[in-house]
Amino acid sequence: MSRPTGRVLTLLELLQSGGTRTVAELAGRLGVEGRTVRRYVEQLIELDIPVESVRGRYGGYRLAPGYRLPPLMFSDDEALAVLLGLIAGRRAGLTAAEHTAGETAAAKIRRVLPRHLAGRLDALLGALAFTDGPGDFDTPDAGVLLTVADAVRRRHPVLIRYADREGRRSERTLHAYGIVAHSGRWYVTGRDPGIDEDRTFRLDRIADARPLPGSFEAPEGPDPAQRVLSALATAAYRHEVSLRIHGTAEQIRARLPAGVARLAEHEPARTRDGTGERWWRVELRVERLDWLPRELAALDRPFVIERPEALRDLVVALADRLGSRALGD
């Protein structure tokens, strides 16, 4: 957002707080001159916002009595993207002294959302858990995600249409325990009463979700994040990755945490310099390779790719792209 646009919105927020604001007061709050305040007021009037000019010694500007901004008209996808973006910012450590800007912004957005949408998003926030896995999270279909989240909160069954890895489609009932974001993917974990087994499904493979009548009780035991990590640890994966990385365990875990990678000492530590750095063998089983080159680059430690060959090709391609951009090509 450009600075003038941001100041116009700040002006509108000041006027919404009520009363008449003098030009001098508004100029001081916005850090501009009086004639700039008048120009910003003209922009608001052009947007059909009824700003009134009050004459006299205590004159200035005010909003017409009774005027309120309409509720934010977000689609489900837009509201979902905004709130999840704020959550991601909070998880990344963008915090203030007591309350994060993300928390206060999320609260403001939720106050002015239509009630039905605010309730569905609250259900999602209550059902959502994150692991420490890396990756840029691609949000699945908003309707599916919100419907499943509501089923988690209300403890009612949900009917899903699902396509597995080979593209085979099926329709099944799910007692959903929770939603988990892990390594760039979204999962729902729960009980499939048709086969009386716990299952974990990728949300981007769910084409449709519809609530069903009835209810169920969530079982005792591991939380949804632990259930997803356990399910993924025993699942068959497309790629088995083996690396050697030089550094400390803490350095490696910062980018490849325990839920993603297994570490084993490849050689004894060289403790002469006191750093504890050594070569580690790092093994992963992953569905996709495309996120790994970015994590290895961010790790900024010497590494050797043992397998697969396709990962070497991706790392070389990333290095070529970075080199090309650095040279301005």
C-alpha atoms as a PDB file:
ATOM      1  CA  MET A   1       0.000   0.000   0.000  1.00  0.00           C
ATOM      2  CA  SER A   2       1.434   3.426  -0.944  1.00  0.00           C
ATOM      3  CA  ARG A   3       2.008   5.952   1.846  1.00  0.00           C
ATOM      4  CA  PRO A   4      -0.594   8.507   0.637  1.00  0.00           C
ATOM      5  CA  THR A   5      -3.214   5.749   0.389  1.00  0.00           C
ATOM      6  CA  GLY A   6      -2.356   4.579   3.881  1.00  0.00           C
ATOM      7  CA  ARG A   7      -2.717   8.123   5.218  1.00  0.00           C
ATOM      8  CA  VAL A   8      -6.125   8.523   3.586  1.00  0.00           C
ATOM      9  CA  LEU A   9      -7.271   5.338   5.310  1.00  0.00           C
ATOM     10  CA  THR A  10      -5.803   6.565   8.599  1.00  0.00           C
ATOM     11  CA  LEU A  11      -7.723   9.817   8.146  1.00  0.00           C
ATOM     12  CA  LEU A  12     -10.930   7.844   7.660  1.00  0.00           C
ATOM     13  CA  GLU A  13     -10.233   5.824  10.809  1.00  0.00           C
ATOM     14  CA  LEU A  14      -9.665   9.037  12.805  1.00  0.00           C
ATOM     15  CA  LEU A  15     -12.922  10.513  11.579  1.00  0.00           C
ATOM     16  CA  GLN A  16     -14.780   7.280  12.364  1.00  0.00           C
ATOM     17  CA  SER A  17     -13.765   7.560  16.016  1.00  0.00           C
ATOM     18  CA  GLY A  18     -16.304  10.380  16.308  1.00  0.00           C
ATOM     19  CA  GLY A  19     -16.454  14.112  16.911  1.00  0.00           C
ATOM     20  CA  THR A  20     -15.000  16.970  14.943  1.00  0.00           C
ATOM     21  CA  ARG A  21     -11.281  16.948  14.198  1.00  0.00           C
ATOM     22  CA  THR A  22      -9.450  20.188  13.461  1.00  0.00           C
ATOM     23  CA  VAL A  23      -7.194  20.480  10.460  1.00  0.00           C
ATOM     24  CA  ALA A  24      -4.224  21.094  12.756  1.00  0.00           C
ATOM     25  CA  GLU A  25      -4.984  17.946  14.761  1.00  0.00           C
ATOM     26  CA  LEU A  26      -5.380  15.804  11.657  1.00  0.00           C
ATOM     27  CA  ALA A  27      -2.225  17.238  10.108  1.00  0.00           C
ATOM     28  CA  GLY A  28      -0.274  16.424  13.267  1.00  0.00           C
ATOM     29  CA  ARG A  29      -1.608  12.867  13.450  1.00  0.00           C
ATOM     30  CA  LEU A  30      -0.890  12.223   9.787  1.00  0.00           C
ATOM     31  CA  GLY A  31       2.438  14.042   9.663  1.00  0.00           C
ATOM     32  CA  VAL A  32       1.419  16.275   6.754  1.00  0.00           C
ATOM     33  CA  GLU A  33       0.520  19.912   6.102  1.00  0.00           C
ATOM     34  CA  GLY A  34      -2.997  21.327   6.344  1.00  0.00           C
ATOM     35  CA  ARG A  35      -3.482  21.598   2.582  1.00  0.00           C
ATOM     36  CA  THR A  36      -2.611  17.899   2.273  1.00  0.00           C
ATOM     37  CA  VAL A  37      -5.318  17.053   4.821  1.00  0.00           C
ATOM     38  CA  ARG A  38      -7.809  18.971   2.667  1.00  0.00           C
ATOM     39  CA  ARG A  39      -6.699  17.012  -0.396  1.00  0.00           C
ATOM     40  CA  TYR A  40      -7.181  13.717   1.481  1.00  0.00           C
ATOM     41  CA  VAL A  41     -10.668  14.835   2.536  1.00  0.00           C
ATOM     42  CA  GLU A  42     -11.517  15.550  -1.109  1.00  0.00           C
ATOM     43  CA  GLN A  43     -10.434  11.997  -1.991  1.00  0.00           C
ATOM     44  CA  LEU A  44     -12.784  10.578   0.645  1.00  0.00           C
ATOM     45  CA  ILE A  45     -15.653  12.684  -0.678  1.00  0.00           C
ATOM     46  CA  GLU A  46     -14.934  11.396  -4.205  1.00  0.00           C
ATOM     47  CA  LEU A  47     -15.402   7.895  -2.761  1.00  0.00           C
ATOM     48  CA  ASP A  48     -18.907   8.926  -1.579  1.00  0.00           C
ATOM     49  CA  ILE A  49     -17.882   9.034   2.063  1.00  0.00           C
ATOM     50  CA  PRO A  50     -19.856  11.919   3.632  1.00  0.00           C
ATOM     51  CA  VAL A  51     -17.168  14.083   5.240  1.00  0.00           C
ATOM     52  CA  GLU A  52     -18.613  17.357   6.528  1.00  0.00           C
ATOM     53  CA  SER A  53     -16.726  20.615   6.957  1.00  0.00           C
ATOM     54  CA  VAL A  54     -17.468  22.414  10.233  1.00  0.00           C
ATOM     55  CA  ARG A  55     -16.836  26.180  10.281  1.00  0.00           C
ATOM     56  CA  GLY A  56     -15.906  28.322  13.236  1.00  0.00           C
ATOM     57  CA  ARG A  57     -13.211  28.589  15.883  1.00  0.00           C
ATOM     58  CA  TYR A  58     -13.515  24.886  16.755  1.00  0.00           C
ATOM     59  CA  GLY A  59     -14.281  23.767  13.244  1.00  0.00           C
ATOM     60  CA  GLY A  60     -12.685  21.069  11.177  1.00  0.00           C
ATOM     61  CA  TYR A  61     -13.978  17.828   9.682  1.00  0.00           C
ATOM     62  CA  ARG A  62     -16.358  15.115  10.802  1.00  0.00           C
ATOM     63  CA  LEU A  63     -18.328  12.246   9.297  1.00  0.00           C
ATOM     64  CA  ALA A  64     -22.035  12.791   8.716  1.00  0.00           C
ATOM     65  CA  PRO A  65     -24.043  11.660  11.768  1.00  0.00           C
ATOM     66  CA  GLY A  66     -25.089   8.005  11.611  1.00  0.00           C
ATOM     67  CA  TYR A  67     -22.601   7.082   8.884  1.00  0.00           C
ATOM     68  CA  ARG A  68     -20.874   3.739   9.277  1.00  0.00           C
ATOM     69  CA  LEU A  69     -18.711   1.836   6.840  1.00  0.00           C
ATOM     70  CA  PRO A  70     -20.475  -1.272   5.512  1.00  0.00           C
ATOM     71  CA  PRO A  71     -19.175  -4.709   6.580  1.00  0.00           C
ATOM     72  CA  LEU A  72     -16.102  -5.924   4.751  1.00  0.00           C
ATOM     73  CA  MET A  73     -17.282  -7.845   1.708  1.00  0.00           C
ATOM     74  CA  PHE A  74     -14.755 -10.671   1.682  1.00  0.00           C
ATOM     75  CA  SER A  75     -15.381 -13.881  -0.181  1.00  0.00           C
ATOM     76  CA  ASP A  76     -14.637 -17.053   1.780  1.00  0.00           C
ATOM     77  CA  ASP A  77     -11.329 -17.434  -0.079  1.00  0.00           C
ATOM     78  CA  GLU A  78     -10.293 -13.808   0.551  1.00  0.00           C
ATOM     79  CA  ALA A  79     -11.125 -13.874   4.266  1.00  0.00           C
ATOM     80  CA  LEU A  80      -9.384 -17.210   4.647  1.00  0.00           C
ATOM     81  CA  ALA A  81      -6.259 -15.941   2.879  1.00  0.00           C
ATOM     82  CA  VAL A  82      -6.100 -12.787   5.041  1.00  0.00           C
ATOM     83  CA  LEU A  83      -6.521 -14.536   8.390  1.00  0.00           C
ATOM     84  CA  LEU A  84      -4.166 -17.400   7.578  1.00  0.00           C
ATOM     85  CA  GLY A  85      -1.609 -14.875   6.380  1.00  0.00           C
ATOM     86  CA  LEU A  86      -1.859 -13.094   9.737  1.00  0.00           C
ATOM     87  CA  ILE A  87      -1.446 -16.387  11.577  1.00  0.00           C
ATOM     88  CA  ALA A  88       1.615 -17.219   9.484  1.00  0.00           C
ATOM     89  CA  GLY A  89       3.099 -13.838  10.350  1.00  0.00           C
ATOM     90  CA  ARG A  90       2.557 -14.466  14.057  1.00  0.00           C
ATOM     91  CA  ARG A  91       4.196 -17.903  13.778  1.00  0.00           C
ATOM     92  CA  ALA A  92       7.147 -16.320  11.992  1.00  0.00           C
ATOM     93  CA  GLY A  93       7.803 -14.168  15.063  1.00  0.00           C
ATOM     94  CA  LEU A  94       6.401 -10.821  13.910  1.00  0.00           C
ATOM     95  CA  THR A  95       5.389  -9.805  17.454  1.00  0.00           C
ATOM     96  CA  ALA A  96       4.887  -6.609  19.382  1.00  0.00           C
ATOM     97  CA  ALA A  97       5.442  -6.052  23.091  1.00  0.00           C
ATOM     98  CA  GLU A  98       2.215  -7.548  24.431  1.00  0.00           C
ATOM     99  CA  HIS A  99      -0.137  -8.173  21.503  1.00  0.00           C
ATOM    100  CA  THR A 100       0.978  -8.853  17.988  1.00  0.00           C
ATOM    101  CA  ALA A 101      -0.144  -6.596  15.186  1.00  0.00           C
ATOM    102  CA  GLY A 102      -1.453  -9.737  13.531  1.00  0.00           C
ATOM    103  CA  GLU A 103      -3.698 -10.534  16.480  1.00  0.00           C
ATOM    104  CA  THR A 104      -5.211  -7.045  16.607  1.00  0.00           C
ATOM    105  CA  ALA A 105      -5.648  -6.942  12.837  1.00  0.00           C
ATOM    106  CA  ALA A 106      -7.345 -10.349  12.875  1.00  0.00           C
ATOM    107  CA  ALA A 107      -9.689  -9.188  15.645  1.00  0.00           C
ATOM    108  CA  LYS A 108     -10.664  -6.091  13.640  1.00  0.00           C
ATOM    109  CA  ILE A 109     -11.320  -8.114  10.507  1.00  0.00           C
ATOM    110  CA  ARG A 110     -13.429 -10.692  12.330  1.00  0.00           C
ATOM    111  CA  ARG A 111     -15.555  -7.957  13.974  1.00  0.00           C
ATOM    112  CA  VAL A 112     -16.753  -6.617  10.644  1.00  0.00           C
ATOM    113  CA  LEU A 113     -17.134  -9.873   8.732  1.00  0.00           C
ATOM    114  CA  PRO A 114     -20.641 -11.174   8.097  1.00  0.00           C
ATOM    115  CA  ARG A 115     -21.656 -13.311  11.068  1.00  0.00           C
ATOM    116  CA  HIS A 116     -21.880 -16.603   9.182  1.00  0.00           C
ATOM    117  CA  LEU A 117     -18.383 -16.230   7.741  1.00  0.00           C
ATOM    118  CA  ALA A 118     -16.853 -15.061  11.028  1.00  0.00           C
ATOM    119  CA  GLY A 119     -18.285 -18.142  12.735  1.00  0.00           C
ATOM    120  CA  ARG A 120     -16.832 -20.499  10.121  1.00  0.00           C
ATOM    121  CA  LEU A 121     -13.408 -18.866  10.352  1.00  0.00           C
ATOM    122  CA  ASP A 122     -13.503 -19.089  14.147  1.00  0.00           C
ATOM    123  CA  ALA A 123     -14.193 -22.798  13.747  1.00  0.00           C
ATOM    124  CA  LEU A 124     -11.143 -23.138  11.508  1.00  0.00           C
ATOM    125  CA  LEU A 125      -8.871 -21.279  13.919  1.00  0.00           C
ATOM    126  CA  GLY A 126     -10.073 -23.540  16.719  1.00  0.00           C
ATOM    127  CA  ALA A 127      -9.481 -26.718  14.691  1.00  0.00           C
ATOM    128  CA  LEU A 128      -6.129 -25.761  13.166  1.00  0.00           C
ATOM    129  CA  ALA A 129      -2.709 -26.983  14.316  1.00  0.00           C
ATOM    130  CA  PHE A 130       0.758 -26.466  12.823  1.00  0.00           C
ATOM    131  CA  THR A 131       3.795 -28.713  12.945  1.00  0.00           C
ATOM    132  CA  ASP A 132       7.325 -27.389  12.589  1.00  0.00           C
ATOM    133  CA  GLY A 133       7.665 -28.625   9.020  1.00  0.00           C
ATOM    134  CA  PRO A 134       8.957 -26.198   6.381  1.00  0.00           C
ATOM    135  CA  GLY A 135       7.153 -25.151   3.259  1.00  0.00           C
ATOM    136  CA  ASP A 136       4.937 -22.461   1.801  1.00  0.00           C
ATOM    137  CA  PHE A 137       1.385 -23.439   2.590  1.00  0.00           C
ATOM    138  CA  ASP A 138      -0.923 -23.639  -0.401  1.00  0.00           C
ATOM    139  CA  THR A 139      -4.417 -23.091   0.939  1.00  0.00           C
ATOM    140  CA  PRO A 140      -6.884 -25.753  -0.242  1.00  0.00           C
ATOM    141  CA  ASP A 141     -10.419 -25.015  -1.420  1.00  0.00           C
ATOM    142  CA  ALA A 142     -11.937 -22.601   1.095  1.00  0.00           C
ATOM    143  CA  GLY A 143     -15.334 -24.288   1.100  1.00  0.00           C
ATOM    144  CA  VAL A 144     -13.837 -27.694   1.861  1.00  0.00           C
ATOM    145  CA  LEU A 145     -11.528 -26.313   4.538  1.00  0.00           C
ATOM    146  CA  LEU A 146     -14.269 -24.359   6.328  1.00  0.00           C
ATOM    147  CA  THR A 147     -16.765 -27.221   6.136  1.00  0.00           C
ATOM    148  CA  VAL A 148     -14.280 -29.696   7.606  1.00  0.00           C
ATOM    149  CA  ALA A 149     -13.285 -27.198  10.317  1.00  0.00           C
ATOM    150  CA  ASP A 150     -16.945 -26.779  11.291  1.00  0.00           C
ATOM    151  CA  ALA A 151     -17.278 -30.572  11.495  1.00  0.00           C
ATOM    152  CA  VAL A 152     -14.268 -30.675  13.836  1.00  0.00           C
ATOM    153  CA  ARG A 153     -15.757 -28.036  16.119  1.00  0.00           C
ATOM    154  CA  ARG A 154     -19.295 -29.412  16.200  1.00  0.00           C
ATOM    155  CA  ARG A 155     -18.194 -33.075  16.264  1.00  0.00           C
ATOM    156  CA  HIS A 156     -20.539 -34.111  13.495  1.00  0.00           C
ATOM    157  CA  PRO A 157     -19.681 -36.503  10.634  1.00  0.00           C
ATOM    158  CA  VAL A 158     -18.745 -35.130   7.236  1.00  0.00           C
ATOM    159  CA  LEU A 159     -19.064 -36.792   3.827  1.00  0.00           C
ATOM    160  CA  ILE A 160     -15.997 -36.273   1.614  1.00  0.00           C
ATOM    161  CA  ARG A 161     -15.229 -37.067  -2.018  1.00  0.00           C
ATOM    162  CA  TYR A 162     -11.550 -38.019  -2.131  1.00  0.00           C
ATOM    163  CA  ALA A 163      -8.973 -38.834  -4.807  1.00  0.00           C
ATOM    164  CA  ASP A 164      -5.917 -40.837  -3.717  1.00  0.00           C
ATOM    165  CA  ARG A 165      -2.370 -40.593  -5.095  1.00  0.00           C
ATOM    166  CA  GLU A 166      -3.247 -42.710  -8.134  1.00  0.00           C
ATOM    167  CA  GLY A 167      -6.337 -40.626  -8.834  1.00  0.00           C
ATOM    168  CA  ARG A 168      -8.812 -43.275  -7.640  1.00  0.00           C
ATOM    169  CA  ARG A 169     -11.949 -41.545  -6.380  1.00  0.00           C
ATOM    170  CA  SER A 170     -14.046 -42.602  -3.421  1.00  0.00           C
ATOM    171  CA  GLU A 171     -16.775 -41.239  -1.169  1.00  0.00           C
ATOM    172  CA  ARG A 172     -16.497 -41.806   2.538  1.00  0.00           C
ATOM    173  CA  THR A 173     -17.706 -40.599   5.908  1.00  0.00           C
ATOM    174  CA  LEU A 174     -15.185 -39.064   8.294  1.00  0.00           C
ATOM    175  CA  HIS A 175     -15.238 -38.247  11.995  1.00  0.00           C
ATOM    176  CA  ALA A 176     -12.721 -35.398  11.814  1.00  0.00           C
ATOM    177  CA  TYR A 177     -10.540 -34.782  14.884  1.00  0.00           C
ATOM    178  CA  GLY A 178      -8.473 -31.848  13.625  1.00  0.00           C
ATOM    179  CA  ILE A 179      -6.775 -30.012  10.756  1.00  0.00           C
ATOM    180  CA  VAL A 180      -2.986 -29.852  10.551  1.00  0.00           C
ATOM    181  CA  ALA A 181      -0.644 -27.798   8.333  1.00  0.00           C
ATOM    182  CA  HIS A 182       2.638 -29.630   7.741  1.00  0.00           C
ATOM    183  CA  SER A 183       5.462 -29.169   5.217  1.00  0.00           C
ATOM    184  CA  GLY A 184       3.436 -27.161   2.730  1.00  0.00           C
ATOM    185  CA  ARG A 185       0.383 -29.447   2.891  1.00  0.00           C
ATOM    186  CA  TRP A 186      -2.920 -29.416   4.753  1.00  0.00           C
ATOM    187  CA  TYR A 187      -4.281 -32.585   6.331  1.00  0.00           C
ATOM    188  CA  VAL A 188      -7.379 -33.679   8.194  1.00  0.00           C
ATOM    189  CA  THR A 189      -7.101 -36.575  10.598  1.00  0.00           C
ATOM    190  CA  GLY A 190     -10.006 -38.580  11.985  1.00  0.00           C
ATOM    191  CA  ARG A 191     -11.872 -41.874  12.084  1.00  0.00           C
ATOM    192  CA  ASP A 192     -13.322 -43.560   9.020  1.00  0.00           C
ATOM    193  CA  PRO A 193     -16.334 -45.423  10.502  1.00  0.00           C
ATOM    194  CA  GLY A 194     -16.761 -47.421   7.283  1.00  0.00           C
ATOM    195  CA  ILE A 195     -13.554 -49.344   7.985  1.00  0.00           C
ATOM    196  CA  ASP A 196     -13.317 -48.463  11.711  1.00  0.00           C
ATOM    197  CA  GLU A 197      -9.781 -47.091  11.358  1.00  0.00           C
ATOM    198  CA  ASP A 198      -8.041 -43.779  11.920  1.00  0.00           C
ATOM    199  CA  ARG A 199      -7.112 -42.091   8.635  1.00  0.00           C
ATOM    200  CA  THR A 200      -5.275 -38.985   7.469  1.00  0.00           C
ATOM    201  CA  PHE A 201      -6.348 -37.231   4.250  1.00  0.00           C
ATOM    202  CA  ARG A 202      -4.755 -34.441   2.264  1.00  0.00           C
ATOM    203  CA  LEU A 203      -7.242 -31.583   2.033  1.00  0.00           C
ATOM    204  CA  ASP A 204      -6.219 -30.604  -1.501  1.00  0.00           C
ATOM    205  CA  ARG A 205      -7.378 -34.052  -2.646  1.00  0.00           C
ATOM    206  CA  ILE A 206     -10.874 -33.570  -1.207  1.00  0.00           C
ATOM    207  CA  ALA A 207     -13.138 -32.396  -4.024  1.00  0.00           C
ATOM    208  CA  ASP A 208     -16.209 -31.810  -1.866  1.00  0.00           C
ATOM    209  CA  ALA A 209     -17.259 -31.970   1.788  1.00  0.00           C
ATOM    210  CA  ARG A 210     -20.813 -32.022   3.145  1.00  0.00           C
ATOM    211  CA  PRO A 211     -21.960 -32.153   6.780  1.00  0.00           C
ATOM    212  CA  LEU A 212     -23.987 -35.173   7.892  1.00  0.00           C
ATOM    213  CA  PRO A 213     -26.450 -35.551  10.772  1.00  0.00           C
ATOM    214  CA  GLY A 214     -25.291 -37.155  13.988  1.00  0.00           C
ATOM    215  CA  SER A 215     -22.370 -36.668  16.333  1.00  0.00           C
ATOM    216  CA  PHE A 216     -19.315 -38.481  17.676  1.00  0.00           C
ATOM    217  CA  GLU A 217     -16.923 -38.261  20.614  1.00  0.00           C
ATOM    218  CA  ALA A 218     -13.260 -37.423  20.023  1.00  0.00           C
ATOM    219  CA  PRO A 219     -11.011 -40.156  21.445  1.00  0.00           C
ATOM    220  CA  GLU A 220      -8.363 -39.777  24.126  1.00  0.00           C
ATOM    221  CA  GLY A 221      -4.745 -39.938  23.053  1.00  0.00           C
ATOM    222  CA  PRO A 222      -2.413 -38.002  20.752  1.00  0.00           C
ATOM    223  CA  ASP A 223      -3.409 -34.572  19.497  1.00  0.00           C
ATOM    224  CA  PRO A 224      -4.152 -34.095  15.765  1.00  0.00           C
ATOM    225  CA  ALA A 225      -0.616 -32.883  14.936  1.00  0.00           C
ATOM    226  CA  GLN A 226       0.934 -35.971  16.530  1.00  0.00           C
ATOM    227  CA  ARG A 227      -1.551 -38.208  14.710  1.00  0.00           C
ATOM    228  CA  VAL A 228      -0.634 -36.666  11.352  1.00  0.00           C
ATOM    229  CA  LEU A 229       3.107 -36.979  11.991  1.00  0.00           C
ATOM    230  CA  SER A 230       2.675 -40.623  13.009  1.00  0.00           C
ATOM    231  CA  ALA A 231       0.598 -41.371   9.907  1.00  0.00           C
ATOM    232  CA  LEU A 232       3.123 -39.688   7.620  1.00  0.00           C
ATOM    233  CA  ALA A 233       6.023 -41.514   9.247  1.00  0.00           C
ATOM    234  CA  THR A 234       4.568 -44.875   8.215  1.00  0.00           C
ATOM    235  CA  ALA A 235       3.183 -43.854   4.815  1.00  0.00           C
ATOM    236  CA  ALA A 236       4.741 -44.744   1.485  1.00  0.00           C
ATOM    237  CA  TYR A 237       6.394 -41.781  -0.212  1.00  0.00           C
ATOM    238  CA  ARG A 238       7.409 -41.023  -3.756  1.00  0.00           C
ATOM    239  CA  HIS A 239      10.968 -39.933  -2.887  1.00  0.00           C
ATOM    240  CA  GLU A 240      13.537 -41.186  -0.394  1.00  0.00           C
ATOM    241  CA  VAL A 241      16.194 -38.529   0.165  1.00  0.00           C
ATOM    242  CA  SER A 242      19.626 -39.029   1.683  1.00  0.00           C
ATOM    243  CA  LEU A 243      21.967 -36.098   2.388  1.00  0.00           C
ATOM    244  CA  ARG A 244      25.179 -35.369   4.260  1.00  0.00           C
ATOM    245  CA  ILE A 245      25.159 -31.948   5.925  1.00  0.00           C
ATOM    246  CA  HIS A 246      27.977 -30.312   7.871  1.00  0.00           C
ATOM    247  CA  GLY A 247      26.931 -28.307  10.920  1.00  0.00           C
ATOM    248  CA  THR A 248      25.379 -28.699  14.331  1.00  0.00           C
ATOM    249  CA  ALA A 249      22.172 -30.586  15.002  1.00  0.00           C
ATOM    250  CA  GLU A 250      20.538 -27.310  16.048  1.00  0.00           C
ATOM    251  CA  GLN A 251      21.469 -25.631  12.760  1.00  0.00           C
ATOM    252  CA  ILE A 252      20.015 -28.493  10.736  1.00  0.00           C
ATOM    253  CA  ARG A 253      16.880 -28.815  12.868  1.00  0.00           C
ATOM    254  CA  ALA A 254      16.145 -25.125  12.327  1.00  0.00           C
ATOM    255  CA  ARG A 255      15.255 -25.912   8.691  1.00  0.00           C
ATOM    256  CA  LEU A 256      14.619 -29.684   8.789  1.00  0.00           C
ATOM    257  CA  PRO A 257      12.895 -30.458  12.108  1.00  0.00           C
ATOM    258  CA  ALA A 258      12.363 -33.880  13.647  1.00  0.00           C
ATOM    259  CA  GLY A 259       8.931 -34.283  12.096  1.00  0.00           C
ATOM    260  CA  VAL A 260      10.511 -34.011   8.648  1.00  0.00           C
ATOM    261  CA  ALA A 261      14.009 -35.503   8.769  1.00  0.00           C
ATOM    262  CA  ARG A 262      16.018 -38.142  10.639  1.00  0.00           C
ATOM    263  CA  LEU A 263      19.550 -37.254  11.729  1.00  0.00           C
ATOM    264  CA  ALA A 264      22.427 -39.631  12.449  1.00  0.00           C
ATOM    265  CA  GLU A 265      26.085 -38.851  13.064  1.00  0.00           C
ATOM    266  CA  HIS A 266      28.169 -39.513   9.958  1.00  0.00           C
ATOM    267  CA  GLU A 267      31.494 -38.927  11.717  1.00  0.00           C
ATOM    268  CA  PRO A 268      32.625 -37.989  15.259  1.00  0.00           C
ATOM    269  CA  ALA A 269      32.519 -34.335  16.207  1.00  0.00           C
ATOM    270  CA  ARG A 270      35.621 -32.234  15.743  1.00  0.00           C
ATOM    271  CA  THR A 271      35.582 -30.377  19.017  1.00  0.00           C
ATOM    272  CA  ARG A 272      38.896 -28.512  18.674  1.00  0.00           C
ATOM    273  CA  ASP A 273      37.130 -25.228  17.876  1.00  0.00           C
ATOM    274  CA  GLY A 274      34.311 -25.912  20.308  1.00  0.00           C
ATOM    275  CA  THR A 275      31.551 -25.474  17.733  1.00  0.00           C
ATOM    276  CA  GLY A 276      30.325 -29.059  17.785  1.00  0.00           C
ATOM    277  CA  GLU A 277      30.001 -29.015  13.996  1.00  0.00           C
ATOM    278  CA  ARG A 278      30.268 -32.343  12.182  1.00  0.00           C
ATOM    279  CA  TRP A 279      28.921 -34.228   9.193  1.00  0.00           C
ATOM    280  CA  TRP A 280      25.438 -35.658   9.690  1.00  0.00           C
ATOM    281  CA  ARG A 281      23.491 -38.067   7.547  1.00  0.00           C
ATOM    282  CA  VAL A 282      20.023 -36.668   6.991  1.00  0.00           C
ATOM    283  CA  GLU A 283      17.232 -38.845   5.604  1.00  0.00           C
ATOM    284  CA  LEU A 284      13.777 -37.800   4.484  1.00  0.00           C
ATOM    285  CA  ARG A 285      10.803 -39.449   2.827  1.00  0.00           C
ATOM    286  CA  VAL A 286       8.837 -36.874   0.895  1.00  0.00           C
ATOM    287  CA  GLU A 287       6.054 -36.627  -1.629  1.00  0.00           C
ATOM    288  CA  ARG A 288       7.619 -33.586  -3.354  1.00  0.00           C
ATOM    289  CA  LEU A 289      11.186 -32.430  -3.898  1.00  0.00           C
ATOM    290  CA  ASP A 290      10.534 -28.871  -5.054  1.00  0.00           C
ATOM    291  CA  TRP A 291      10.693 -27.280  -1.572  1.00  0.00           C
ATOM    292  CA  LEU A 292      13.987 -28.897  -0.546  1.00  0.00           C
ATOM    293  CA  PRO A 293      16.436 -26.760  -2.601  1.00  0.00           C
ATOM    294  CA  ARG A 294      15.099 -23.604  -0.917  1.00  0.00           C
ATOM    295  CA  GLU A 295      15.539 -25.130   2.530  1.00  0.00           C
ATOM    296  CA  LEU A 296      19.076 -26.280   1.747  1.00  0.00           C
ATOM    297  CA  ALA A 297      19.950 -22.814   0.466  1.00  0.00           C
ATOM    298  CA  ALA A 298      18.477 -21.190   3.595  1.00  0.00           C
ATOM    299  CA  LEU A 299      20.414 -23.648   5.764  1.00  0.00           C
ATOM    300  CA  ASP A 300      23.665 -22.181   4.364  1.00  0.00           C
ATOM    301  CA  ARG A 301      25.792 -25.202   5.354  1.00  0.00           C
ATOM    302  CA  PRO A 302      27.965 -27.502   3.209  1.00  0.00           C
ATOM    303  CA  PHE A 303      25.940 -30.488   1.998  1.00  0.00           C
ATOM    304  CA  VAL A 304      26.232 -33.502  -0.280  1.00  0.00           C
ATOM    305  CA  ILE A 305      23.231 -35.051  -2.028  1.00  0.00           C
ATOM    306  CA  GLU A 306      23.483 -38.843  -2.014  1.00  0.00           C
ATOM    307  CA  ARG A 307      20.116 -39.493  -3.590  1.00  0.00           C
ATOM    308  CA  PRO A 308      17.949 -38.958  -5.580  1.00  0.00           C
ATOM    309  CA  GLU A 309      19.501 -37.584  -8.743  1.00  0.00           C
ATOM    310  CA  ALA A 310      16.374 -35.483  -9.354  1.00  0.00           C
ATOM    311  CA  LEU A 311      17.160 -33.419  -6.235  1.00  0.00           C
ATOM    312  CA  ARG A 312      20.619 -32.592  -7.589  1.00  0.00           C
ATOM    313  CA  ASP A 313      19.007 -31.323 -10.788  1.00  0.00           C
ATOM    314  CA  LEU A 314      16.617 -29.093  -8.812  1.00  0.00           C
ATOM    315  CA  VAL A 315      19.450 -27.652  -6.701  1.00  0.00           C
ATOM    316  CA  VAL A 316      21.518 -26.901  -9.816  1.00  0.00           C
ATOM    317  CA  ALA A 317      18.494 -25.263 -11.460  1.00  0.00           C
ATOM    318  CA  LEU A 318      17.924 -23.058  -8.385  1.00  0.00           C
ATOM    319  CA  ALA A 319      21.600 -22.062  -8.335  1.00  0.00           C
ATOM    320  CA  ASP A 320      21.429 -21.153 -12.035  1.00  0.00           C
ATOM    321  CA  ARG A 321      18.325 -19.003 -11.479  1.00  0.00           C
ATOM    322  CA  LEU A 322      19.923 -17.179  -8.540  1.00  0.00           C
ATOM    323  CA  GLY A 323      23.129 -16.601 -10.507  1.00  0.00           C
ATOM    324  CA  SER A 324      21.204 -15.293 -13.488  1.00  0.00           C
ATOM    325  CA  ARG A 325      19.236 -12.845 -11.358  1.00  0.00           C
ATOM    326  CA  ALA A 326      22.361 -11.664  -9.534  1.00  0.00           C
ATOM    327  CA  LEU A 327      23.921 -10.818 -12.904  1.00  0.00           C
ATOM    328  CA  GLY A 328      20.768  -9.012 -13.988  1.00  0.00           C
ATOM    329  CA  ASP A 329      20.001 -11.332 -16.937  1.00  0.00           C
END
